[in-house]
Amino acid sequence: MEQKNVRANLMQEVEVFGVPALYTSCRIARETVYPGLHCYELEAEAGRSGSYRLVNEAADFYGTILTPVPLEGTEGAGRKFSSGDLRICPEHESCTPAEFEGKYLSPGNQL
């Protein structure tokens, strides 16, 4: 699967487990992820329609999520993920990781 350079892409601002995040349906090259952002992939669970895990590298890839803080439980087999764990933020436009970084990782900003 082709990997994209995340720095050039607009991504949808979302919340994952209550944490601000960016989502894209593209697999992104890890070396293009901004320092300070944490990269996770959504993996569809085999034989379970609509069931996903948030992992470091997905075999059955569904999407990529970037967060400004590490998410607990994503090590090893990953963290179970359902549609209720993702909230799309309609009040926010899509943004680049640089814009997201400025919003959430600038000095003085607290999550």
N, C-alpha and C. Protein backbone atom coordinates (compact mmCIF):
# COMPACT_ATOMS: atom_id res chain seq x y z
N MET A 1 0.84 -1.18 0.00
CA MET A 1 0.00 0.00 0.00
C MET A 1 0.89 1.24 0.00
N GLU A 2 0.54 2.19 -0.82
CA GLU A 2 1.30 3.44 -0.91
C GLU A 2 1.16 4.24 0.38
N GLN A 3 2.27 4.80 0.84
CA GLN A 3 2.26 5.65 2.01
C GLN A 3 2.35 7.10 1.57
N LYS A 4 1.61 7.97 2.25
CA LYS A 4 1.58 9.39 1.93
C LYS A 4 2.48 10.17 2.87
N ASN A 5 2.92 11.34 2.40
CA ASN A 5 3.66 12.28 3.22
C ASN A 5 2.63 13.08 4.01
N VAL A 6 2.56 12.88 5.30
CA VAL A 6 1.53 13.49 6.12
C VAL A 6 1.65 15.01 6.17
N ARG A 7 2.82 15.55 6.00
CA ARG A 7 3.01 16.99 6.12
C ARG A 7 2.25 17.77 5.07
N ALA A 8 1.97 17.15 3.94
CA ALA A 8 1.30 17.85 2.83
C ALA A 8 -0.21 17.61 2.80
N ASN A 9 -0.72 16.76 3.65
CA ASN A 9 -2.14 16.38 3.58
C ASN A 9 -3.02 17.11 4.59
N LEU A 10 -4.22 17.43 4.15
CA LEU A 10 -5.25 17.88 5.09
C LEU A 10 -5.83 16.63 5.74
N MET A 11 -6.09 16.72 7.04
CA MET A 11 -6.67 15.61 7.78
C MET A 11 -7.88 16.10 8.55
N GLN A 12 -8.81 15.20 8.83
CA GLN A 12 -10.03 15.54 9.57
C GLN A 12 -9.72 15.60 11.06
N GLU A 13 -10.08 16.71 11.69
CA GLU A 13 -9.90 16.81 13.14
C GLU A 13 -11.02 16.03 13.82
N VAL A 14 -10.62 15.17 14.76
CA VAL A 14 -11.54 14.29 15.47
C VAL A 14 -11.14 14.24 16.95
N GLU A 15 -11.91 13.50 17.74
CA GLU A 15 -11.51 13.15 19.10
C GLU A 15 -11.53 11.64 19.18
N VAL A 16 -10.48 11.07 19.79
CA VAL A 16 -10.37 9.63 19.99
C VAL A 16 -10.17 9.39 21.48
N PHE A 17 -11.08 8.66 22.09
CA PHE A 17 -11.03 8.42 23.54
C PHE A 17 -10.95 9.75 24.30
N GLY A 18 -11.61 10.78 23.77
CA GLY A 18 -11.63 12.09 24.41
C GLY A 18 -10.41 12.96 24.16
N VAL A 19 -9.48 12.51 23.33
CA VAL A 19 -8.25 13.24 23.03
C VAL A 19 -8.36 13.84 21.63
N PRO A 20 -7.98 15.12 21.44
CA PRO A 20 -7.98 15.68 20.09
C PRO A 20 -7.03 14.89 19.20
N ALA A 21 -7.43 14.69 17.96
CA ALA A 21 -6.63 13.87 17.04
C ALA A 21 -6.92 14.28 15.61
N LEU A 22 -6.10 13.76 14.70
CA LEU A 22 -6.32 13.90 13.27
C LEU A 22 -6.54 12.51 12.69
N TYR A 23 -7.44 12.41 11.70
CA TYR A 23 -7.73 11.13 11.05
C TYR A 23 -7.58 11.26 9.54
N THR A 24 -7.05 10.22 8.93
CA THR A 24 -7.03 10.09 7.47
C THR A 24 -7.22 8.62 7.11
N SER A 25 -7.82 8.38 5.98
CA SER A 25 -7.99 7.01 5.51
C SER A 25 -6.73 6.51 4.81
N CYS A 26 -5.72 7.37 4.69
CA CYS A 26 -4.45 7.01 4.05
C CYS A 26 -3.46 6.48 5.08
N ARG A 27 -2.63 5.55 4.65
CA ARG A 27 -1.50 5.12 5.48
C ARG A 27 -0.40 6.15 5.26
N ILE A 28 0.17 6.65 6.35
CA ILE A 28 1.18 7.69 6.21
C ILE A 28 2.56 7.16 6.58
N ALA A 29 3.57 7.69 5.91
CA ALA A 29 4.95 7.30 6.17
C ALA A 29 5.36 7.83 7.54
N ARG A 30 5.82 6.96 8.40
CA ARG A 30 6.19 7.34 9.77
C ARG A 30 7.25 8.44 9.82
N GLU A 31 8.17 8.41 8.87
CA GLU A 31 9.25 9.41 8.90
C GLU A 31 8.74 10.82 8.58
N THR A 32 7.48 10.96 8.14
CA THR A 32 6.94 12.29 7.84
C THR A 32 6.07 12.83 8.97
N VAL A 33 5.90 12.05 10.04
CA VAL A 33 5.08 12.49 11.18
C VAL A 33 5.85 13.52 11.98
N TYR A 34 5.20 14.62 12.32
CA TYR A 34 5.83 15.69 13.08
C TYR A 34 6.28 15.16 14.44
N PRO A 35 7.46 15.62 14.89
CA PRO A 35 7.90 15.27 16.26
C PRO A 35 6.86 15.79 17.25
N GLY A 36 6.57 14.99 18.23
CA GLY A 36 5.57 15.38 19.23
C GLY A 36 4.20 14.80 18.95
N LEU A 37 3.94 14.35 17.72
CA LEU A 37 2.68 13.68 17.41
C LEU A 37 2.89 12.17 17.47
N HIS A 38 1.87 11.47 17.91
CA HIS A 38 1.91 10.01 18.04
C HIS A 38 1.02 9.42 16.95
N CYS A 39 1.54 8.42 16.25
CA CYS A 39 0.87 7.85 15.08
C CYS A 39 0.35 6.46 15.40
N TYR A 40 -0.92 6.23 15.09
CA TYR A 40 -1.56 4.93 15.28
C TYR A 40 -2.33 4.57 14.02
N GLU A 41 -2.54 3.29 13.82
CA GLU A 41 -3.34 2.82 12.69
C GLU A 41 -4.54 2.05 13.19
N LEU A 42 -5.64 2.19 12.46
CA LEU A 42 -6.84 1.40 12.75
C LEU A 42 -6.74 0.10 11.97
N GLU A 43 -6.97 -0.98 12.67
CA GLU A 43 -6.92 -2.30 12.04
C GLU A 43 -8.27 -2.98 12.23
N ALA A 44 -8.84 -3.44 11.12
CA ALA A 44 -10.10 -4.19 11.19
C ALA A 44 -9.80 -5.56 11.79
N GLU A 45 -10.61 -5.98 12.75
CA GLU A 45 -10.42 -7.30 13.36
C GLU A 45 -10.98 -8.37 12.44
N ALA A 46 -10.17 -9.37 12.19
CA ALA A 46 -10.56 -10.46 11.28
C ALA A 46 -11.83 -11.15 11.77
N GLY A 47 -12.78 -11.30 10.84
CA GLY A 47 -14.01 -12.01 11.14
C GLY A 47 -15.01 -11.26 12.00
N ARG A 48 -14.75 -9.99 12.30
CA ARG A 48 -15.66 -9.21 13.16
C ARG A 48 -16.00 -7.91 12.46
N SER A 49 -17.10 -7.90 11.76
CA SER A 49 -17.53 -6.72 11.02
C SER A 49 -17.73 -5.53 11.96
N GLY A 50 -17.13 -4.40 11.60
CA GLY A 50 -17.29 -3.19 12.40
C GLY A 50 -16.48 -3.15 13.67
N SER A 51 -15.58 -4.10 13.84
CA SER A 51 -14.74 -4.15 15.04
C SER A 51 -13.30 -3.83 14.65
N TYR A 52 -12.68 -2.94 15.41
CA TYR A 52 -11.34 -2.45 15.08
C TYR A 52 -10.46 -2.44 16.32
N ARG A 53 -9.16 -2.31 16.04
CA ARG A 53 -8.16 -2.11 17.08
C ARG A 53 -7.28 -0.94 16.66
N LEU A 54 -6.83 -0.16 17.63
CA LEU A 54 -5.89 0.91 17.40
C LEU A 54 -4.52 0.34 17.72
N VAL A 55 -3.66 0.26 16.71
CA VAL A 55 -2.37 -0.41 16.85
C VAL A 55 -1.25 0.47 16.28
N ASN A 56 -0.01 0.05 16.50
CA ASN A 56 1.12 0.79 15.94
C ASN A 56 1.24 0.56 14.44
N GLU A 57 1.08 -0.68 13.98
CA GLU A 57 1.12 -0.99 12.55
C GLU A 57 0.06 -2.03 12.24
N ALA A 58 -0.88 -1.68 11.36
CA ALA A 58 -2.02 -2.54 11.06
C ALA A 58 -1.73 -3.47 9.88
N ALA A 59 -2.10 -4.73 10.05
CA ALA A 59 -2.01 -5.69 8.94
C ALA A 59 -3.21 -5.46 8.00
N ASP A 60 -4.40 -5.32 8.58
CA ASP A 60 -5.62 -5.05 7.81
C ASP A 60 -5.97 -3.58 8.03
N PHE A 61 -5.30 -2.70 7.30
CA PHE A 61 -5.33 -1.25 7.49
C PHE A 61 -6.70 -0.64 7.18
N TYR A 62 -7.14 0.29 8.05
CA TYR A 62 -8.40 1.00 7.85
C TYR A 62 -8.22 2.51 7.88
N GLY A 63 -7.21 3.02 8.60
CA GLY A 63 -6.99 4.46 8.67
C GLY A 63 -5.85 4.79 9.61
N THR A 64 -5.44 6.08 9.62
CA THR A 64 -4.35 6.55 10.48
C THR A 64 -4.88 7.65 11.39
N ILE A 65 -4.42 7.63 12.64
CA ILE A 65 -4.79 8.64 13.62
C ILE A 65 -3.52 9.21 14.23
N LEU A 66 -3.45 10.55 14.32
CA LEU A 66 -2.35 11.23 14.98
C LEU A 66 -2.88 11.91 16.23
N THR A 67 -2.17 11.79 17.34
CA THR A 67 -2.58 12.42 18.59
C THR A 67 -1.42 13.22 19.17
N PRO A 68 -1.72 14.27 19.96
CA PRO A 68 -0.65 15.05 20.59
C PRO A 68 -0.11 14.41 21.87
N VAL A 69 -0.77 13.37 22.37
CA VAL A 69 -0.32 12.64 23.56
C VAL A 69 -0.41 11.15 23.25
N PRO A 70 0.41 10.33 23.91
CA PRO A 70 0.31 8.89 23.67
C PRO A 70 -1.01 8.35 24.22
N LEU A 71 -1.56 7.34 23.54
CA LEU A 71 -2.79 6.70 23.98
C LEU A 71 -2.45 5.39 24.69
N GLU A 72 -2.99 5.21 25.88
CA GLU A 72 -2.72 4.00 26.65
C GLU A 72 -3.38 2.79 25.99
N GLY A 73 -2.75 1.64 26.16
CA GLY A 73 -3.34 0.38 25.71
C GLY A 73 -3.13 0.06 24.25
N THR A 74 -2.29 0.82 23.56
CA THR A 74 -2.08 0.56 22.14
C THR A 74 -0.88 -0.34 21.88
N GLU A 75 -0.15 -0.69 22.93
CA GLU A 75 1.00 -1.56 22.78
C GLU A 75 0.53 -2.99 22.50
N GLY A 76 1.42 -3.80 21.99
CA GLY A 76 1.11 -5.21 21.77
C GLY A 76 -0.04 -5.41 20.81
N ALA A 77 -1.10 -6.05 21.29
CA ALA A 77 -2.27 -6.37 20.46
C ALA A 77 -3.13 -5.16 20.16
N GLY A 78 -2.86 -4.04 20.79
CA GLY A 78 -3.61 -2.82 20.51
C GLY A 78 -4.81 -2.62 21.41
N ARG A 79 -5.48 -1.52 21.21
CA ARG A 79 -6.64 -1.13 22.02
C ARG A 79 -7.91 -1.28 21.19
N LYS A 80 -8.88 -1.96 21.75
CA LYS A 80 -10.17 -2.13 21.07
C LYS A 80 -10.77 -0.77 20.77
N PHE A 81 -11.36 -0.66 19.61
CA PHE A 81 -11.84 0.63 19.11
C PHE A 81 -13.21 0.43 18.47
N SER A 82 -14.18 1.23 18.86
CA SER A 82 -15.51 1.16 18.24
C SER A 82 -15.87 2.55 17.71
N SER A 83 -16.93 2.61 16.95
CA SER A 83 -17.33 3.89 16.35
C SER A 83 -17.62 4.94 17.42
N GLY A 84 -18.03 4.53 18.61
CA GLY A 84 -18.31 5.47 19.70
C GLY A 84 -17.05 6.10 20.28
N ASP A 85 -15.89 5.52 19.99
CA ASP A 85 -14.63 6.05 20.50
C ASP A 85 -14.08 7.16 19.62
N LEU A 86 -14.70 7.38 18.47
CA LEU A 86 -14.27 8.42 17.54
C LEU A 86 -15.39 9.45 17.39
N ARG A 87 -15.05 10.69 17.67
CA ARG A 87 -16.04 11.76 17.51
C ARG A 87 -15.50 12.74 16.48
N ILE A 88 -16.23 12.88 15.39
CA ILE A 88 -15.86 13.85 14.36
C ILE A 88 -16.25 15.23 14.87
N CYS A 89 -15.38 16.18 14.70
CA CYS A 89 -15.61 17.54 15.18
C CYS A 89 -16.10 18.40 14.03
N PRO A 90 -17.42 18.47 13.81
CA PRO A 90 -17.93 19.22 12.65
C PRO A 90 -17.62 20.71 12.71
N GLU A 91 -17.37 21.23 13.93
CA GLU A 91 -17.08 22.66 14.04
C GLU A 91 -15.65 22.99 13.58
N HIS A 92 -14.82 21.96 13.39
CA HIS A 92 -13.45 22.16 12.94
C HIS A 92 -13.32 21.77 11.48
N GLU A 93 -12.61 22.58 10.75
CA GLU A 93 -12.28 22.25 9.37
C GLU A 93 -11.16 21.22 9.37
N SER A 94 -10.95 20.62 8.24
CA SER A 94 -9.76 19.78 8.10
C SER A 94 -8.53 20.68 8.22
N CYS A 95 -7.45 20.13 8.72
CA CYS A 95 -6.23 20.93 8.86
C CYS A 95 -5.00 20.07 8.59
N THR A 96 -3.88 20.71 8.44
CA THR A 96 -2.63 19.99 8.26
C THR A 96 -2.08 19.65 9.65
N PRO A 97 -1.19 18.69 9.74
CA PRO A 97 -0.56 18.40 11.02
C PRO A 97 0.17 19.61 11.61
N ALA A 98 0.73 20.49 10.77
CA ALA A 98 1.40 21.69 11.28
C ALA A 98 0.40 22.61 11.98
N GLU A 99 -0.78 22.78 11.39
CA GLU A 99 -1.82 23.61 12.02
C GLU A 99 -2.30 22.97 13.32
N PHE A 100 -2.46 21.66 13.31
CA PHE A 100 -2.88 20.91 14.50
C PHE A 100 -1.81 21.04 15.59
N GLU A 101 -0.57 20.92 15.20
CA GLU A 101 0.55 21.05 16.14
C GLU A 101 0.52 22.43 16.79
N GLY A 102 0.31 23.48 16.00
CA GLY A 102 0.24 24.84 16.53
C GLY A 102 -0.91 25.01 17.51
N LYS A 103 -1.98 24.31 17.26
CA LYS A 103 -3.17 24.42 18.11
C LYS A 103 -3.01 23.66 19.43
N TYR A 104 -2.40 22.47 19.39
CA TYR A 104 -2.36 21.61 20.57
C TYR A 104 -0.98 21.41 21.19
N LEU A 105 0.10 21.70 20.48
CA LEU A 105 1.44 21.45 21.02
C LEU A 105 2.24 22.73 21.27
N SER A 106 1.66 23.89 21.04
CA SER A 106 2.34 25.14 21.29
C SER A 106 2.51 25.35 22.80
N PRO A 107 3.59 26.00 23.21
CA PRO A 107 3.77 26.29 24.63
C PRO A 107 2.55 27.02 25.19
N GLY A 108 2.14 26.61 26.37
CA GLY A 108 0.99 27.23 27.01
C GLY A 108 -0.33 26.53 26.75
N ASN A 109 -0.39 25.66 25.73
CA ASN A 109 -1.61 24.91 25.46
C ASN A 109 -1.61 23.65 26.29
N GLN A 110 -2.66 23.41 27.03
CA GLN A 110 -2.79 22.22 27.87
C GLN A 110 -3.93 21.37 27.36
N LEU A 111 -3.73 20.06 27.32
CA LEU A 111 -4.82 19.14 26.93
C LEU A 111 -5.62 18.73 28.13
